Amino acid sequence: MYSLINQLQKKDEQALRAVINKYGGYVKAIVVKVLQPNQTAIEECINDVFLIIWQKSIQFTGDEIDFKKWIGVIAKYKAIDTYRSLQNKPKTVELLSSISNSKDLPERIVEQKVQKEQLFISILNLSKNDQEIFLLKYYLGYSNGEIAEIFGLSKSAVENRLYRGKLKLTEELGGI
């Protein structure tokens, strides 16, 4: 595997194909959790992830386990960036259909969206590790055990961080 990383860093296209074959499913799983059901955005994001891996491979240092984590982080952040950019685009048709299909009043729908945005902004005010834990847990659907494994923490430490983070967010948002 180490030679695969070296070959990738030397811009060997065969190495990139091997990386795509080996980690394609892993990247897709991460991206799908964030961008589902937008299939076009998912495919574009996956392509962008492998382009970033190709372009930034020279910056990678570490072993195979670190390489997989590195790829996962790139996929996660690229998917979140893609999600944000999709949220910023005008969605007249989507908004109209959600209003017509909903029993809620339009004001309530707007209020819920504002609350979600405020929550996301508040999560970004947490420490870097807590941000990542929250994003893995609540945006990407990782279990507490999986998060503990990624960060080298105990499951109870992850649960404590989530609990303290929720308290901090509740206080910051005024009980939303």
N, C-alpha and C. Protein backbone atom coordinates (compact mmCIF):
# COMPACT_ATOMS: atom_id res chain seq x y z
N MET A 1 0.83 -1.20 0.00
CA MET A 1 0.00 0.00 0.00
C MET A 1 0.87 1.25 0.00
N TYR A 2 1.95 1.22 0.78
CA TYR A 2 2.80 2.40 0.87
C TYR A 2 3.32 2.78 -0.50
N SER A 3 3.62 1.77 -1.34
CA SER A 3 4.09 2.07 -2.69
C SER A 3 2.97 2.70 -3.52
N LEU A 4 1.72 2.33 -3.24
CA LEU A 4 0.58 2.94 -3.93
C LEU A 4 0.52 4.44 -3.62
N ILE A 5 0.71 4.78 -2.37
CA ILE A 5 0.72 6.19 -1.97
C ILE A 5 1.88 6.91 -2.66
N ASN A 6 3.05 6.29 -2.67
CA ASN A 6 4.21 6.89 -3.34
C ASN A 6 3.94 7.10 -4.83
N GLN A 7 3.35 6.09 -5.46
CA GLN A 7 3.04 6.20 -6.89
C GLN A 7 2.03 7.32 -7.13
N LEU A 8 1.05 7.42 -6.27
CA LEU A 8 0.06 8.49 -6.39
C LEU A 8 0.72 9.85 -6.26
N GLN A 9 1.65 9.97 -5.33
CA GLN A 9 2.36 11.23 -5.13
C GLN A 9 3.24 11.58 -6.33
N LYS A 10 3.63 10.57 -7.10
CA LYS A 10 4.41 10.79 -8.32
C LYS A 10 3.51 11.00 -9.53
N LYS A 11 2.19 11.15 -9.26
CA LYS A 11 1.18 11.41 -10.29
C LYS A 11 1.03 10.26 -11.29
N ASP A 12 1.11 9.04 -10.79
CA ASP A 12 0.90 7.86 -11.61
C ASP A 12 -0.62 7.61 -11.71
N GLU A 13 -1.15 7.65 -12.91
CA GLU A 13 -2.59 7.48 -13.12
C GLU A 13 -3.08 6.09 -12.72
N GLN A 14 -2.23 5.09 -12.87
CA GLN A 14 -2.60 3.73 -12.43
C GLN A 14 -2.84 3.71 -10.91
N ALA A 15 -2.02 4.46 -10.20
CA ALA A 15 -2.18 4.53 -8.74
C ALA A 15 -3.50 5.20 -8.40
N LEU A 16 -3.87 6.24 -9.14
CA LEU A 16 -5.15 6.89 -8.90
C LEU A 16 -6.30 5.92 -9.16
N ARG A 17 -6.21 5.15 -10.23
CA ARG A 17 -7.25 4.14 -10.50
C ARG A 17 -7.34 3.13 -9.36
N ALA A 18 -6.19 2.72 -8.85
CA ALA A 18 -6.18 1.76 -7.73
C ALA A 18 -6.81 2.38 -6.48
N VAL A 19 -6.53 3.64 -6.23
CA VAL A 19 -7.11 4.33 -5.07
C VAL A 19 -8.63 4.43 -5.24
N ILE A 20 -9.08 4.76 -6.45
CA ILE A 20 -10.51 4.85 -6.72
C ILE A 20 -11.17 3.48 -6.52
N ASN A 21 -10.54 2.42 -7.01
CA ASN A 21 -11.09 1.07 -6.84
C ASN A 21 -11.14 0.66 -5.37
N LYS A 22 -10.10 0.99 -4.63
CA LYS A 22 -10.02 0.58 -3.24
C LYS A 22 -10.91 1.40 -2.33
N TYR A 23 -10.97 2.72 -2.55
CA TYR A 23 -11.67 3.61 -1.62
C TYR A 23 -12.94 4.24 -2.19
N GLY A 24 -13.32 3.87 -3.41
CA GLY A 24 -14.50 4.46 -4.03
C GLY A 24 -15.77 4.25 -3.23
N GLY A 25 -15.98 3.06 -2.72
CA GLY A 25 -17.17 2.77 -1.92
C GLY A 25 -17.17 3.53 -0.61
N TYR A 26 -16.00 3.64 0.00
CA TYR A 26 -15.85 4.38 1.26
C TYR A 26 -16.20 5.86 1.05
N VAL A 27 -15.66 6.45 0.00
CA VAL A 27 -15.94 7.86 -0.31
C VAL A 27 -17.42 8.04 -0.63
N LYS A 28 -17.98 7.14 -1.42
CA LYS A 28 -19.38 7.26 -1.80
C LYS A 28 -20.29 7.18 -0.57
N ALA A 29 -19.98 6.29 0.37
CA ALA A 29 -20.79 6.17 1.57
C ALA A 29 -20.81 7.47 2.37
N ILE A 30 -19.68 8.11 2.47
CA ILE A 30 -19.59 9.38 3.21
C ILE A 30 -20.39 10.46 2.48
N VAL A 31 -20.18 10.56 1.19
CA VAL A 31 -20.83 11.61 0.39
C VAL A 31 -22.35 11.41 0.36
N VAL A 32 -22.80 10.17 0.21
CA VAL A 32 -24.23 9.89 0.14
C VAL A 32 -24.93 10.31 1.43
N LYS A 33 -24.29 10.08 2.58
CA LYS A 33 -24.92 10.46 3.85
C LYS A 33 -25.20 11.95 3.93
N VAL A 34 -24.37 12.75 3.30
CA VAL A 34 -24.55 14.20 3.35
C VAL A 34 -25.47 14.71 2.25
N LEU A 35 -25.35 14.17 1.05
CA LEU A 35 -26.01 14.76 -0.12
C LEU A 35 -27.24 14.02 -0.62
N GLN A 36 -27.58 12.89 -0.04
CA GLN A 36 -28.72 12.12 -0.53
C GLN A 36 -29.96 12.97 -0.49
N PRO A 37 -30.83 12.98 -1.42
CA PRO A 37 -31.02 12.12 -2.58
C PRO A 37 -30.52 12.73 -3.89
N ASN A 38 -29.74 13.78 -3.84
CA ASN A 38 -29.31 14.49 -5.04
C ASN A 38 -28.20 13.70 -5.75
N GLN A 39 -28.58 12.79 -6.65
CA GLN A 39 -27.64 11.88 -7.30
C GLN A 39 -26.59 12.61 -8.12
N THR A 40 -26.98 13.67 -8.81
CA THR A 40 -26.03 14.43 -9.62
C THR A 40 -24.96 15.06 -8.73
N ALA A 41 -25.39 15.65 -7.63
CA ALA A 41 -24.44 16.27 -6.70
C ALA A 41 -23.52 15.22 -6.09
N ILE A 42 -24.05 14.04 -5.80
CA ILE A 42 -23.24 12.96 -5.22
C ILE A 42 -22.12 12.57 -6.19
N GLU A 43 -22.47 12.34 -7.44
CA GLU A 43 -21.47 11.93 -8.43
C GLU A 43 -20.42 13.01 -8.64
N GLU A 44 -20.86 14.26 -8.75
CA GLU A 44 -19.90 15.36 -8.93
C GLU A 44 -18.98 15.49 -7.72
N CYS A 45 -19.55 15.35 -6.53
CA CYS A 45 -18.76 15.47 -5.30
C CYS A 45 -17.71 14.36 -5.22
N ILE A 46 -18.10 13.14 -5.55
CA ILE A 46 -17.15 12.02 -5.52
C ILE A 46 -16.00 12.29 -6.48
N ASN A 47 -16.33 12.76 -7.68
CA ASN A 47 -15.28 13.10 -8.65
C ASN A 47 -14.37 14.20 -8.11
N ASP A 48 -14.96 15.19 -7.47
CA ASP A 48 -14.18 16.28 -6.88
C ASP A 48 -13.25 15.77 -5.78
N VAL A 49 -13.74 14.83 -4.99
CA VAL A 49 -12.93 14.26 -3.90
C VAL A 49 -11.68 13.60 -4.48
N PHE A 50 -11.85 12.79 -5.52
CA PHE A 50 -10.69 12.11 -6.09
C PHE A 50 -9.76 13.09 -6.82
N LEU A 51 -10.31 14.16 -7.35
CA LEU A 51 -9.47 15.19 -7.93
C LEU A 51 -8.62 15.87 -6.85
N ILE A 52 -9.23 16.15 -5.72
CA ILE A 52 -8.48 16.74 -4.60
C ILE A 52 -7.40 15.78 -4.12
N ILE A 53 -7.74 14.50 -4.00
CA ILE A 53 -6.75 13.50 -3.58
C ILE A 53 -5.58 13.50 -4.56
N TRP A 54 -5.88 13.53 -5.85
CA TRP A 54 -4.84 13.56 -6.88
C TRP A 54 -3.97 14.80 -6.74
N GLN A 55 -4.61 15.96 -6.58
CA GLN A 55 -3.88 17.22 -6.52
C GLN A 55 -3.09 17.39 -5.23
N LYS A 56 -3.60 16.89 -4.14
CA LYS A 56 -2.97 17.15 -2.84
C LYS A 56 -2.22 15.94 -2.28
N SER A 57 -2.09 14.88 -3.07
CA SER A 57 -1.45 13.66 -2.57
C SER A 57 -0.03 13.91 -2.09
N ILE A 58 0.66 14.84 -2.68
CA ILE A 58 2.05 15.13 -2.30
C ILE A 58 2.12 15.64 -0.86
N GLN A 59 1.04 16.22 -0.36
CA GLN A 59 1.01 16.76 1.00
C GLN A 59 0.79 15.67 2.05
N PHE A 60 0.37 14.48 1.61
CA PHE A 60 0.07 13.41 2.57
C PHE A 60 1.35 12.78 3.09
N THR A 61 1.39 12.61 4.41
CA THR A 61 2.45 11.84 5.05
C THR A 61 1.78 10.90 6.04
N GLY A 62 2.18 9.67 6.05
CA GLY A 62 1.60 8.72 6.98
C GLY A 62 1.50 7.35 6.36
N ASP A 63 0.79 6.47 7.10
CA ASP A 63 0.65 5.09 6.65
C ASP A 63 -0.74 4.87 6.04
N GLU A 64 -1.06 3.61 5.77
CA GLU A 64 -2.31 3.27 5.10
C GLU A 64 -3.53 3.66 5.92
N ILE A 65 -3.47 3.48 7.23
CA ILE A 65 -4.61 3.85 8.09
C ILE A 65 -4.82 5.36 8.04
N ASP A 66 -3.72 6.11 8.14
CA ASP A 66 -3.81 7.57 8.04
C ASP A 66 -4.33 7.99 6.68
N PHE A 67 -3.94 7.26 5.64
CA PHE A 67 -4.37 7.58 4.28
C PHE A 67 -5.89 7.45 4.16
N LYS A 68 -6.43 6.39 4.73
CA LYS A 68 -7.89 6.19 4.68
C LYS A 68 -8.59 7.30 5.45
N LYS A 69 -8.07 7.67 6.62
CA LYS A 69 -8.66 8.76 7.40
C LYS A 69 -8.59 10.07 6.62
N TRP A 70 -7.44 10.30 5.98
CA TRP A 70 -7.23 11.51 5.20
C TRP A 70 -8.26 11.60 4.08
N ILE A 71 -8.46 10.49 3.38
CA ILE A 71 -9.46 10.44 2.32
C ILE A 71 -10.86 10.70 2.89
N GLY A 72 -11.15 10.10 4.03
CA GLY A 72 -12.46 10.29 4.66
C GLY A 72 -12.72 11.74 5.04
N VAL A 73 -11.71 12.40 5.56
CA VAL A 73 -11.85 13.81 5.94
C VAL A 73 -12.07 14.67 4.69
N ILE A 74 -11.31 14.40 3.64
CA ILE A 74 -11.50 15.15 2.38
C ILE A 74 -12.93 14.94 1.88
N ALA A 75 -13.40 13.71 1.89
CA ALA A 75 -14.75 13.41 1.40
C ALA A 75 -15.80 14.12 2.25
N LYS A 76 -15.62 14.07 3.56
CA LYS A 76 -16.58 14.68 4.47
C LYS A 76 -16.69 16.18 4.22
N TYR A 77 -15.55 16.86 4.21
CA TYR A 77 -15.58 18.31 4.06
C TYR A 77 -16.02 18.75 2.67
N LYS A 78 -15.66 18.00 1.65
CA LYS A 78 -16.10 18.34 0.30
C LYS A 78 -17.61 18.16 0.19
N ALA A 79 -18.14 17.09 0.80
CA ALA A 79 -19.59 16.87 0.77
C ALA A 79 -20.32 17.98 1.52
N ILE A 80 -19.78 18.39 2.64
CA ILE A 80 -20.41 19.48 3.41
C ILE A 80 -20.35 20.78 2.62
N ASP A 81 -19.21 21.05 1.99
CA ASP A 81 -19.10 22.25 1.15
C ASP A 81 -20.11 22.21 0.01
N THR A 82 -20.26 21.05 -0.62
CA THR A 82 -21.22 20.90 -1.71
C THR A 82 -22.64 21.11 -1.19
N TYR A 83 -22.93 20.55 -0.03
CA TYR A 83 -24.25 20.71 0.58
C TYR A 83 -24.54 22.19 0.83
N ARG A 84 -23.57 22.90 1.38
CA ARG A 84 -23.74 24.33 1.64
C ARG A 84 -23.99 25.10 0.35
N SER A 85 -23.21 24.79 -0.68
CA SER A 85 -23.38 25.52 -1.94
C SER A 85 -24.75 25.23 -2.55
N LEU A 86 -25.24 24.01 -2.38
CA LEU A 86 -26.58 23.70 -2.88
C LEU A 86 -27.64 24.44 -2.08
N GLN A 87 -27.40 24.63 -0.79
CA GLN A 87 -28.36 25.34 0.06
C GLN A 87 -28.42 26.82 -0.31
N ASN A 88 -27.32 27.37 -0.81
CA ASN A 88 -27.27 28.79 -1.14
C ASN A 88 -27.90 29.10 -2.49
N LYS A 89 -28.12 28.08 -3.31
CA LYS A 89 -28.74 28.31 -4.61
C LYS A 89 -30.24 28.52 -4.43
N PRO A 90 -30.84 29.36 -5.27
CA PRO A 90 -32.29 29.56 -5.17
C PRO A 90 -33.04 28.25 -5.46
N LYS A 91 -34.02 27.97 -4.65
CA LYS A 91 -34.77 26.71 -4.80
C LYS A 91 -36.26 27.00 -4.81
N THR A 92 -36.71 27.80 -5.72
CA THR A 92 -38.11 28.19 -5.78
C THR A 92 -39.02 26.97 -5.91
N VAL A 93 -38.69 26.09 -6.83
CA VAL A 93 -39.54 24.92 -7.08
C VAL A 93 -39.57 24.03 -5.85
N GLU A 94 -38.41 23.77 -5.25
CA GLU A 94 -38.35 22.91 -4.07
C GLU A 94 -39.12 23.53 -2.91
N LEU A 95 -38.97 24.83 -2.71
CA LEU A 95 -39.66 25.51 -1.63
C LEU A 95 -41.16 25.46 -1.85
N LEU A 96 -41.60 25.72 -3.09
CA LEU A 96 -43.03 25.68 -3.37
C LEU A 96 -43.61 24.29 -3.15
N SER A 97 -42.88 23.24 -3.57
CA SER A 97 -43.41 21.89 -3.39
C SER A 97 -43.44 21.52 -1.92
N SER A 98 -42.45 21.96 -1.15
CA SER A 98 -42.45 21.61 0.27
C SER A 98 -43.58 22.34 1.00
N ILE A 99 -43.90 23.55 0.53
CA ILE A 99 -45.00 24.28 1.15
C ILE A 99 -46.34 23.62 0.80
N SER A 100 -46.50 23.27 -0.46
CA SER A 100 -47.77 22.68 -0.88
C SER A 100 -47.97 21.28 -0.31
N ASN A 101 -46.89 20.55 -0.05
CA ASN A 101 -47.00 19.20 0.49
C ASN A 101 -47.04 19.18 2.01
N SER A 102 -46.86 20.30 2.62
CA SER A 102 -46.75 20.36 4.07
C SER A 102 -48.03 20.90 4.68
N LYS A 103 -48.34 20.40 5.85
CA LYS A 103 -49.48 20.92 6.59
C LYS A 103 -49.06 22.14 7.41
N ASP A 104 -47.73 22.36 7.52
CA ASP A 104 -47.22 23.51 8.25
C ASP A 104 -47.47 24.79 7.47
N LEU A 105 -47.53 25.86 8.19
CA LEU A 105 -47.61 27.16 7.55
C LEU A 105 -46.25 27.52 6.97
N PRO A 106 -46.22 28.33 5.92
CA PRO A 106 -44.93 28.74 5.34
C PRO A 106 -44.00 29.38 6.37
N GLU A 107 -44.56 30.12 7.31
CA GLU A 107 -43.74 30.75 8.33
C GLU A 107 -43.00 29.71 9.18
N ARG A 108 -43.68 28.62 9.46
CA ARG A 108 -43.08 27.55 10.27
C ARG A 108 -41.93 26.89 9.52
N ILE A 109 -42.10 26.69 8.22
CA ILE A 109 -41.05 26.08 7.41
C ILE A 109 -39.81 26.96 7.40
N VAL A 110 -40.03 28.25 7.21
CA VAL A 110 -38.91 29.19 7.21
C VAL A 110 -38.24 29.21 8.57
N GLU A 111 -39.04 29.20 9.63
CA GLU A 111 -38.51 29.20 11.00
C GLU A 111 -37.65 27.96 11.25
N GLN A 112 -38.10 26.80 10.80
CA GLN A 112 -37.32 25.57 10.97
C GLN A 112 -36.00 25.65 10.23
N LYS A 113 -36.02 26.19 9.02
CA LYS A 113 -34.79 26.32 8.24
C LYS A 113 -33.81 27.26 8.94
N VAL A 114 -34.31 28.36 9.46
CA VAL A 114 -33.45 29.31 10.18
C VAL A 114 -32.85 28.64 11.41
N GLN A 115 -33.65 27.86 12.13
CA GLN A 115 -33.16 27.16 13.30
C GLN A 115 -32.05 26.18 12.94
N LYS A 116 -32.22 25.45 11.84
CA LYS A 116 -31.19 24.50 11.40
C LYS A 116 -29.90 25.23 11.05
N GLU A 117 -30.03 26.36 10.38
CA GLU A 117 -28.84 27.15 10.02
C GLU A 117 -28.15 27.68 11.27
N GLN A 118 -28.95 28.16 12.24
CA GLN A 118 -28.37 28.66 13.49
C GLN A 118 -27.64 27.54 14.22
N LEU A 119 -28.23 26.35 14.22
CA LEU A 119 -27.60 25.21 14.87
C LEU A 119 -26.27 24.88 14.20
N PHE A 120 -26.25 24.85 12.87
CA PHE A 120 -25.01 24.53 12.16
C PHE A 120 -23.94 25.57 12.47
N ILE A 121 -24.32 26.85 12.48
CA ILE A 121 -23.36 27.92 12.80
C ILE A 121 -22.85 27.75 14.23
N SER A 122 -23.73 27.39 15.14
CA SER A 122 -23.32 27.18 16.53
C SER A 122 -22.36 26.00 16.66
N ILE A 123 -22.58 24.96 15.88
CA ILE A 123 -21.67 23.81 15.90
C ILE A 123 -20.28 24.26 15.47
N LEU A 124 -20.21 25.17 14.51
CA LEU A 124 -18.92 25.67 14.04
C LEU A 124 -18.21 26.51 15.10
N ASN A 125 -18.92 26.93 16.14
CA ASN A 125 -18.30 27.67 17.24
C ASN A 125 -17.72 26.75 18.31
N LEU A 126 -17.97 25.46 18.20
CA LEU A 126 -17.39 24.49 19.14
C LEU A 126 -15.91 24.29 18.81
N SER A 127 -15.20 23.59 19.70
CA SER A 127 -13.80 23.27 19.41
C SER A 127 -13.72 22.40 18.16
N LYS A 128 -12.55 22.37 17.54
CA LYS A 128 -12.36 21.63 16.29
C LYS A 128 -12.76 20.16 16.44
N ASN A 129 -12.30 19.51 17.51
CA ASN A 129 -12.64 18.09 17.72
C ASN A 129 -14.14 17.90 17.95
N ASP A 130 -14.74 18.81 18.73
CA ASP A 130 -16.17 18.69 18.98
C ASP A 130 -16.98 18.93 17.70
N GLN A 131 -16.52 19.86 16.86
CA GLN A 131 -17.18 20.09 15.57
C GLN A 131 -17.19 18.79 14.78
N GLU A 132 -16.03 18.16 14.68
CA GLU A 132 -15.92 16.94 13.89
C GLU A 132 -16.78 15.83 14.47
N ILE A 133 -16.80 15.72 15.80
CA ILE A 133 -17.63 14.70 16.44
C ILE A 133 -19.10 14.94 16.13
N PHE A 134 -19.56 16.18 16.24
CA PHE A 134 -20.95 16.50 15.94
C PHE A 134 -21.29 16.24 14.48
N LEU A 135 -20.40 16.63 13.57
CA LEU A 135 -20.66 16.41 12.15
C LEU A 135 -20.72 14.92 11.83
N LEU A 136 -19.79 14.16 12.40
CA LEU A 136 -19.81 12.71 12.16
C LEU A 136 -21.08 12.08 12.71
N LYS A 137 -21.49 12.51 13.91
CA LYS A 137 -22.65 11.92 14.56
C LYS A 137 -23.97 12.34 13.90
N TYR A 138 -24.18 13.63 13.76
CA TYR A 138 -25.50 14.11 13.39
C TYR A 138 -25.68 14.44 11.90
N TYR A 139 -24.59 14.61 11.18
CA TYR A 139 -24.72 14.90 9.75
C TYR A 139 -24.34 13.70 8.89
N LEU A 140 -23.39 12.89 9.38
CA LEU A 140 -22.96 11.74 8.60
C LEU A 140 -23.47 10.41 9.15
N GLY A 141 -24.07 10.45 10.34
CA GLY A 141 -24.72 9.26 10.89
C GLY A 141 -23.81 8.20 11.48
N TYR A 142 -22.59 8.59 11.85
CA TYR A 142 -21.69 7.62 12.48
C TYR A 142 -22.18 7.29 13.88
N SER A 143 -21.90 6.07 14.34
CA SER A 143 -22.25 5.67 15.69
C SER A 143 -21.19 6.21 16.66
N ASN A 144 -21.53 6.24 17.93
CA ASN A 144 -20.58 6.71 18.94
C ASN A 144 -19.33 5.82 18.95
N GLY A 145 -19.51 4.53 18.74
CA GLY A 145 -18.38 3.60 18.71
C GLY A 145 -17.45 3.88 17.54
N GLU A 146 -18.03 4.16 16.37
CA GLU A 146 -17.21 4.48 15.19
C GLU A 146 -16.44 5.78 15.40
N ILE A 147 -17.10 6.76 16.00
CA ILE A 147 -16.44 8.05 16.27
C ILE A 147 -15.31 7.85 17.27
N ALA A 148 -15.56 7.04 18.29
CA ALA A 148 -14.52 6.76 19.29
C ALA A 148 -13.30 6.12 18.63
N GLU A 149 -13.53 5.22 17.72
CA GLU A 149 -12.44 4.55 17.02
C GLU A 149 -11.64 5.54 16.16
N ILE A 150 -12.34 6.43 15.47
CA ILE A 150 -11.68 7.42 14.62
C ILE A 150 -10.78 8.34 15.43
N PHE A 151 -11.26 8.78 16.59
CA PHE A 151 -10.52 9.75 17.39
C PHE A 151 -9.62 9.11 18.45
N GLY A 152 -9.69 7.79 18.57
CA GLY A 152 -8.87 7.12 19.58
C GLY A 152 -9.35 7.42 20.99
N LEU A 153 -10.66 7.59 21.15
CA LEU A 153 -11.26 7.87 22.45
C LEU A 153 -12.11 6.68 22.88
N SER A 154 -12.52 6.69 24.13
CA SER A 154 -13.48 5.68 24.56
C SER A 154 -14.88 6.12 24.13
N LYS A 155 -15.77 5.16 24.05
CA LYS A 155 -17.15 5.47 23.65
C LYS A 155 -17.78 6.44 24.65
N SER A 156 -17.49 6.24 25.93
CA SER A 156 -18.07 7.13 26.94
C SER A 156 -17.51 8.55 26.82
N ALA A 157 -16.25 8.69 26.39
CA ALA A 157 -15.68 10.03 26.19
C ALA A 157 -16.41 10.74 25.05
N VAL A 158 -16.73 10.01 23.99
CA VAL A 158 -17.49 10.59 22.88
C VAL A 158 -18.88 10.99 23.36
N GLU A 159 -19.53 10.11 24.13
CA GLU A 159 -20.87 10.42 24.65
C GLU A 159 -20.83 11.65 25.55
N ASN A 160 -19.79 11.78 26.37
CA ASN A 160 -19.64 12.96 27.23
C ASN A 160 -19.47 14.23 26.40
N ARG A 161 -18.64 14.16 25.36
CA ARG A 161 -18.43 15.33 24.50
C ARG A 161 -19.73 15.73 23.81
N LEU A 162 -20.48 14.75 23.35
CA LEU A 162 -21.76 15.04 22.70
C LEU A 162 -22.73 15.68 23.70
N TYR A 163 -22.77 15.14 24.91
CA TYR A 163 -23.67 15.67 25.94
C TYR A 163 -23.29 17.11 26.30
N ARG A 164 -21.98 17.35 26.56
CA ARG A 164 -21.54 18.71 26.91
C ARG A 164 -21.76 19.66 25.74
N GLY A 165 -21.52 19.18 24.53
CA GLY A 165 -21.75 20.01 23.35
C GLY A 165 -23.21 20.38 23.20
N LYS A 166 -24.11 19.41 23.45
CA LYS A 166 -25.55 19.69 23.36
C LYS A 166 -25.95 20.74 24.39
N LEU A 167 -25.40 20.63 25.60
CA LEU A 167 -25.70 21.63 26.63
C LEU A 167 -25.24 23.01 26.18
N LYS A 168 -24.02 23.07 25.65
CA LYS A 168 -23.46 24.35 25.19
C LYS A 168 -24.31 24.92 24.05
N LEU A 169 -24.72 24.06 23.12
CA LEU A 169 -25.53 24.52 21.99
C LEU A 169 -26.91 24.99 22.46
N THR A 170 -27.51 24.25 23.39
CA THR A 170 -28.82 24.64 23.93
C THR A 170 -28.75 25.99 24.61
N GLU A 171 -27.69 26.19 25.37
CA GLU A 171 -27.50 27.48 26.07
C GLU A 171 -27.29 28.60 25.06
N GLU A 172 -26.45 28.35 24.06
CA GLU A 172 -26.14 29.37 23.05
C GLU A 172 -27.38 29.73 22.22
N LEU A 173 -28.20 28.73 21.91
CA LEU A 173 -29.36 28.97 21.06
C LEU A 173 -30.61 29.34 21.85
N GLY A 174 -30.48 29.41 23.15
CA GLY A 174 -31.62 29.81 23.96
C GLY A 174 -32.72 28.77 24.03
N GLY A 175 -32.35 27.48 24.01
CA GLY A 175 -33.32 26.41 24.18
C GLY A 175 -34.10 26.04 22.94
N ILE A 176 -33.56 26.35 21.76
CA ILE A 176 -34.26 25.98 20.50
C ILE A 176 -34.43 24.49 20.43
